[in-house]
PDB file of N, CA and C in Angstrom:
ATOM      1  N   UNK A   1      40.567  19.598 -13.759  1.00  0.00           N
ATOM      2  CA  UNK A   1      39.481  20.272 -14.464  1.00  0.00           C
ATOM      3  C   UNK A   1      38.385  19.268 -14.882  1.00  0.00           C
ATOM      4  N   UNK A   2      38.826  18.183 -15.457  1.00  0.00           N
ATOM      5  CA  UNK A   2      37.880  17.158 -15.893  1.00  0.00           C
ATOM      6  C   UNK A   2      37.126  16.581 -14.699  1.00  0.00           C
ATOM      7  N   UNK A   3      37.818  16.442 -13.581  1.00  0.00           N
ATOM      8  CA  UNK A   3      37.211  15.928 -12.352  1.00  0.00           C
ATOM      9  C   UNK A   3      36.072  16.843 -11.884  1.00  0.00           C
ATOM     10  N   UNK A   4      36.308  18.147 -11.924  1.00  0.00           N
ATOM     11  CA  UNK A   4      35.281  19.118 -11.498  1.00  0.00           C
ATOM     12  C   UNK A   4      34.071  19.057 -12.409  1.00  0.00           C
ATOM     13  N   UNK A   5      34.308  18.911 -13.701  1.00  0.00           N
ATOM     14  CA  UNK A   5      33.200  18.843 -14.661  1.00  0.00           C
ATOM     15  C   UNK A   5      32.366  17.594 -14.405  1.00  0.00           C
ATOM     16  N   UNK A   6      33.018  16.478 -14.129  1.00  0.00           N
ATOM     17  CA  UNK A   6      32.296  15.234 -13.838  1.00  0.00           C
ATOM     18  C   UNK A   6      31.473  15.365 -12.564  1.00  0.00           C
ATOM     19  N   UNK A   7      32.019  16.024 -11.543  1.00  0.00           N
ATOM     20  CA  UNK A   7      31.278  16.243 -10.296  1.00  0.00           C
ATOM     21  C   UNK A   7      30.060  17.118 -10.543  1.00  0.00           C
ATOM     22  N   UNK A   8      30.241  18.178 -11.327  1.00  0.00           N
ATOM     23  CA  UNK A   8      29.121  19.073 -11.652  1.00  0.00           C
ATOM     24  C   UNK A   8      28.035  18.313 -12.410  1.00  0.00           C
ATOM     25  N   UNK A   9      28.459  17.515 -13.371  1.00  0.00           N
ATOM     26  CA  UNK A   9      27.508  16.744 -14.166  1.00  0.00           C
ATOM     27  C   UNK A   9      26.709  15.785 -13.273  1.00  0.00           C
ATOM     28  N   UNK A  10      27.400  15.096 -12.380  1.00  0.00           N
ATOM     29  CA  UNK A  10      26.726  14.165 -11.473  1.00  0.00           C
ATOM     30  C   UNK A  10      25.730  14.899 -10.591  1.00  0.00           C
ATOM     31  N   UNK A  11      26.104  16.063 -10.106  1.00  0.00           N
ATOM     32  CA  UNK A  11      25.218  16.859  -9.259  1.00  0.00           C
ATOM     33  C   UNK A  11      23.981  17.310 -10.040  1.00  0.00           C
ATOM     34  N   UNK A  12      24.199  17.757 -11.279  1.00  0.00           N
ATOM     35  CA  UNK A  12      23.078  18.198 -12.113  1.00  0.00           C
ATOM     36  C   UNK A  12      22.137  17.042 -12.453  1.00  0.00           C
ATOM     37  N   UNK A  13      22.695  15.879 -12.730  1.00  0.00           N
ATOM     38  CA  UNK A  13      21.870  14.710 -13.044  1.00  0.00           C
ATOM     39  C   UNK A  13      21.006  14.347 -11.843  1.00  0.00           C
ATOM     40  N   UNK A  14      21.596  14.334 -10.646  1.00  0.00           N
ATOM     41  CA  UNK A  14      20.823  14.023  -9.436  1.00  0.00           C
ATOM     42  C   UNK A  14      19.710  15.037  -9.225  1.00  0.00           C
ATOM     43  N   UNK A  15      20.005  16.310  -9.456  1.00  0.00           N
ATOM     44  CA  UNK A  15      19.001  17.362  -9.270  1.00  0.00           C
ATOM     45  C   UNK A  15      17.851  17.187 -10.266  1.00  0.00           C
ATOM     46  N   UNK A  16      18.181  16.878 -11.514  1.00  0.00           N
ATOM     47  CA  UNK A  16      17.145  16.678 -12.526  1.00  0.00           C
ATOM     48  C   UNK A  16      16.294  15.451 -12.197  1.00  0.00           C
ATOM     49  N   UNK A  17      16.914  14.383 -11.723  1.00  0.00           N
ATOM     50  CA  UNK A  17      16.158  13.186 -11.352  1.00  0.00           C
ATOM     51  C   UNK A  17      15.219  13.479 -10.198  1.00  0.00           C
ATOM     52  N   UNK A  18      15.679  14.267  -9.235  1.00  0.00           N
ATOM     53  CA  UNK A  18      14.833  14.630  -8.099  1.00  0.00           C
ATOM     54  C   UNK A  18      13.625  15.416  -8.585  1.00  0.00           C
ATOM     55  N   UNK A  19      13.846  16.340  -9.504  1.00  0.00           N
ATOM     56  CA  UNK A  19      12.741  17.138 -10.045  1.00  0.00           C
ATOM     57  C   UNK A  19      11.732  16.251 -10.770  1.00  0.00           C
ATOM     58  N   UNK A  20      12.226  15.267 -11.511  1.00  0.00           N
ATOM     59  CA  UNK A  20      11.326  14.365 -12.232  1.00  0.00           C
ATOM     60  C   UNK A  20      10.480  13.544 -11.272  1.00  0.00           C
ATOM     61  N   UNK A  21      11.083  13.069 -10.185  1.00  0.00           N
ATOM     62  CA  UNK A  21      10.343  12.269  -9.213  1.00  0.00           C
ATOM     63  C   UNK A  21       9.306  13.111  -8.491  1.00  0.00           C
ATOM     64  N   UNK A  22       9.610  14.369  -8.212  1.00  0.00           N
ATOM     65  CA  UNK A  22       8.658  15.241  -7.515  1.00  0.00           C
ATOM     66  C   UNK A  22       7.451  15.531  -8.388  1.00  0.00           C
ATOM     67  N   UNK A  23       7.658  15.650  -9.677  1.00  0.00           N
ATOM     68  CA  UNK A  23       6.584  16.020 -10.585  1.00  0.00           C
ATOM     69  C   UNK A  23       5.898  14.841 -11.232  1.00  0.00           C
ATOM     70  N   UNK A  24       6.124  13.659 -10.723  1.00  0.00           N
ATOM     71  CA  UNK A  24       5.534  12.457 -11.311  1.00  0.00           C
ATOM     72  C   UNK A  24       4.009  12.537 -11.283  1.00  0.00           C
ATOM     73  N   UNK A  25       3.429  12.124 -12.360  1.00  0.00           N
ATOM     74  CA  UNK A  25       1.966  12.096 -12.452  1.00  0.00           C
ATOM     75  C   UNK A  25       1.471  10.810 -11.809  1.00  0.00           C
ATOM     76  N   UNK A  26       0.528  10.944 -10.936  1.00  0.00           N
ATOM     77  CA  UNK A  26      -0.044   9.761 -10.294  1.00  0.00           C
ATOM     78  C   UNK A  26      -1.167   9.235 -11.177  1.00  0.00           C
ATOM     79  N   UNK A  27      -1.143   7.948 -11.414  1.00  0.00           N
ATOM     80  CA  UNK A  27      -2.159   7.335 -12.255  1.00  0.00           C
ATOM     81  C   UNK A  27      -3.425   7.061 -11.453  1.00  0.00           C
ATOM     82  N   UNK A  28      -4.549   7.294 -12.081  1.00  0.00           N
ATOM     83  CA  UNK A  28      -5.832   7.030 -11.447  1.00  0.00           C
ATOM     84  C   UNK A  28      -6.184   5.563 -11.622  1.00  0.00           C
ATOM     85  N   UNK A  29      -6.989   5.036 -10.704  1.00  0.00           N
ATOM     86  CA  UNK A  29      -7.436   3.648 -10.882  1.00  0.00           C
ATOM     87  C   UNK A  29      -8.289   3.527 -12.147  1.00  0.00           C
ATOM     88  N   UNK A  30      -8.302   2.363 -12.732  1.00  0.00           N
ATOM     89  CA  UNK A  30      -9.058   2.154 -13.968  1.00  0.00           C
ATOM     90  C   UNK A  30     -10.458   1.632 -13.669  1.00  0.00           C
ATOM     91  N   UNK A  31     -11.387   2.022 -14.516  1.00  0.00           N
ATOM     92  CA  UNK A  31     -12.759   1.540 -14.422  1.00  0.00           C
ATOM     93  C   UNK A  31     -12.856   0.255 -15.243  1.00  0.00           C
ATOM     94  N   UNK A  32     -13.527  -0.746 -14.718  1.00  0.00           N
ATOM     95  CA  UNK A  32     -13.757  -1.976 -15.473  1.00  0.00           C
ATOM     96  C   UNK A  32     -14.901  -1.699 -16.447  1.00  0.00           C
ATOM     97  N   UNK A  33     -14.535  -1.281 -17.647  1.00  0.00           N
ATOM     98  CA  UNK A  33     -15.508  -0.851 -18.648  1.00  0.00           C
ATOM     99  C   UNK A  33     -16.458  -1.987 -19.030  1.00  0.00           C
ATOM    100  N   UNK A  34     -15.917  -3.201 -19.207  1.00  0.00           N
ATOM    101  CA  UNK A  34     -16.774  -4.325 -19.615  1.00  0.00           C
ATOM    102  C   UNK A  34     -17.859  -4.590 -18.576  1.00  0.00           C
ATOM    103  N   UNK A  35     -17.491  -4.540 -17.307  1.00  0.00           N
ATOM    104  CA  UNK A  35     -18.490  -4.754 -16.252  1.00  0.00           C
ATOM    105  C   UNK A  35     -19.529  -3.639 -16.271  1.00  0.00           C
ATOM    106  N   UNK A  36     -19.080  -2.412 -16.437  1.00  0.00           N
ATOM    107  CA  UNK A  36     -20.019  -1.282 -16.458  1.00  0.00           C
ATOM    108  C   UNK A  36     -20.973  -1.377 -17.645  1.00  0.00           C
ATOM    109  N   UNK A  37     -20.473  -1.835 -18.796  1.00  0.00           N
ATOM    110  CA  UNK A  37     -21.343  -1.988 -19.968  1.00  0.00           C
ATOM    111  C   UNK A  37     -22.379  -3.082 -19.705  1.00  0.00           C
ATOM    112  N   UNK A  38     -21.949  -4.189 -19.086  1.00  0.00           N
ATOM    113  CA  UNK A  38     -22.896  -5.261 -18.754  1.00  0.00           C
ATOM    114  C   UNK A  38     -23.974  -4.752 -17.799  1.00  0.00           C
ATOM    115  N   UNK A  39     -23.592  -3.820 -16.918  1.00  0.00           N
ATOM    116  CA  UNK A  39     -24.539  -3.297 -15.934  1.00  0.00           C
ATOM    117  C   UNK A  39     -25.332  -2.100 -16.450  1.00  0.00           C
ATOM    118  N   UNK A  40     -25.126  -1.713 -17.702  1.00  0.00           N
ATOM    119  CA  UNK A  40     -25.931  -0.634 -18.266  1.00  0.00           C
ATOM    120  C   UNK A  40     -25.175   0.646 -18.552  1.00  0.00           C
ATOM    121  N   UNK A  41     -23.882   0.667 -18.425  1.00  0.00           N
ATOM    122  CA  UNK A  41     -23.110   1.855 -18.785  1.00  0.00           C
ATOM    123  C   UNK A  41     -22.276   2.403 -17.639  1.00  0.00           C
ATOM    124  N   UNK A  42     -21.442   3.366 -17.968  1.00  0.00           N
ATOM    125  CA  UNK A  42     -20.585   4.019 -16.978  1.00  0.00           C
ATOM    126  C   UNK A  42     -21.274   5.286 -16.517  1.00  0.00           C
ATOM    127  N   UNK A  43     -21.485   5.393 -15.227  1.00  0.00           N
ATOM    128  CA  UNK A  43     -22.131   6.595 -14.692  1.00  0.00           C
ATOM    129  C   UNK A  43     -21.098   7.440 -13.940  1.00  0.00           C
ATOM    130  N   UNK A  44     -21.473   8.644 -13.609  1.00  0.00           N
ATOM    131  CA  UNK A  44     -20.594   9.511 -12.819  1.00  0.00           C
ATOM    132  C   UNK A  44     -20.317   8.880 -11.460  1.00  0.00           C
ATOM    133  N   UNK A  45     -21.314   8.185 -10.903  1.00  0.00           N
ATOM    134  CA  UNK A  45     -21.112   7.509  -9.618  1.00  0.00           C
ATOM    135  C   UNK A  45     -20.068   6.400  -9.728  1.00  0.00           C
ATOM    136  N   UNK A  46     -20.102   5.643 -10.838  1.00  0.00           N
ATOM    137  CA  UNK A  46     -19.095   4.606 -11.049  1.00  0.00           C
ATOM    138  C   UNK A  46     -17.705   5.226 -11.062  1.00  0.00           C
ATOM    139  N   UNK A  47     -17.594   6.331 -11.780  1.00  0.00           N
ATOM    140  CA  UNK A  47     -16.306   7.013 -11.889  1.00  0.00           C
ATOM    141  C   UNK A  47     -15.835   7.486 -10.516  1.00  0.00           C
ATOM    142  N   UNK A  48     -16.714   8.138  -9.773  1.00  0.00           N
ATOM    143  CA  UNK A  48     -16.341   8.649  -8.452  1.00  0.00           C
ATOM    144  C   UNK A  48     -15.925   7.518  -7.515  1.00  0.00           C
ATOM    145  N   UNK A  49     -16.665   6.423  -7.526  1.00  0.00           N
ATOM    146  CA  UNK A  49     -16.342   5.291  -6.642  1.00  0.00           C
ATOM    147  C   UNK A  49     -14.971   4.723  -6.952  1.00  0.00           C
ATOM    148  N   UNK A  50     -14.627   4.643  -8.219  1.00  0.00           N
ATOM    149  CA  UNK A  50     -13.349   4.040  -8.578  1.00  0.00           C
ATOM    150  C   UNK A  50     -12.168   4.998  -8.393  1.00  0.00           C
ATOM    151  N   UNK A  51     -12.436   6.276  -8.191  1.00  0.00           N
ATOM    152  CA  UNK A  51     -11.360   7.263  -8.054  1.00  0.00           C
ATOM    153  C   UNK A  51     -11.281   7.879  -6.658  1.00  0.00           C
ATOM    154  N   UNK A  52     -11.825   7.224  -5.661  1.00  0.00           N
ATOM    155  CA  UNK A  52     -11.742   7.767  -4.304  1.00  0.00           C
ATOM    156  C   UNK A  52     -10.533   7.254  -3.604  1.00  0.00           C
TER     157      UNK A  52
END
């Protein structure tokens, strides 16, 4: 009985881990804010270029 419960638990843990990996949020590239401020600010074009 205990063996079956351990097998079920292992199966459920693997399934939950798979779900977490599938739903992972992908991080966007970061804008170099200091450079953009030196150049006069962050524009929509700067944002688009860094996120393509």
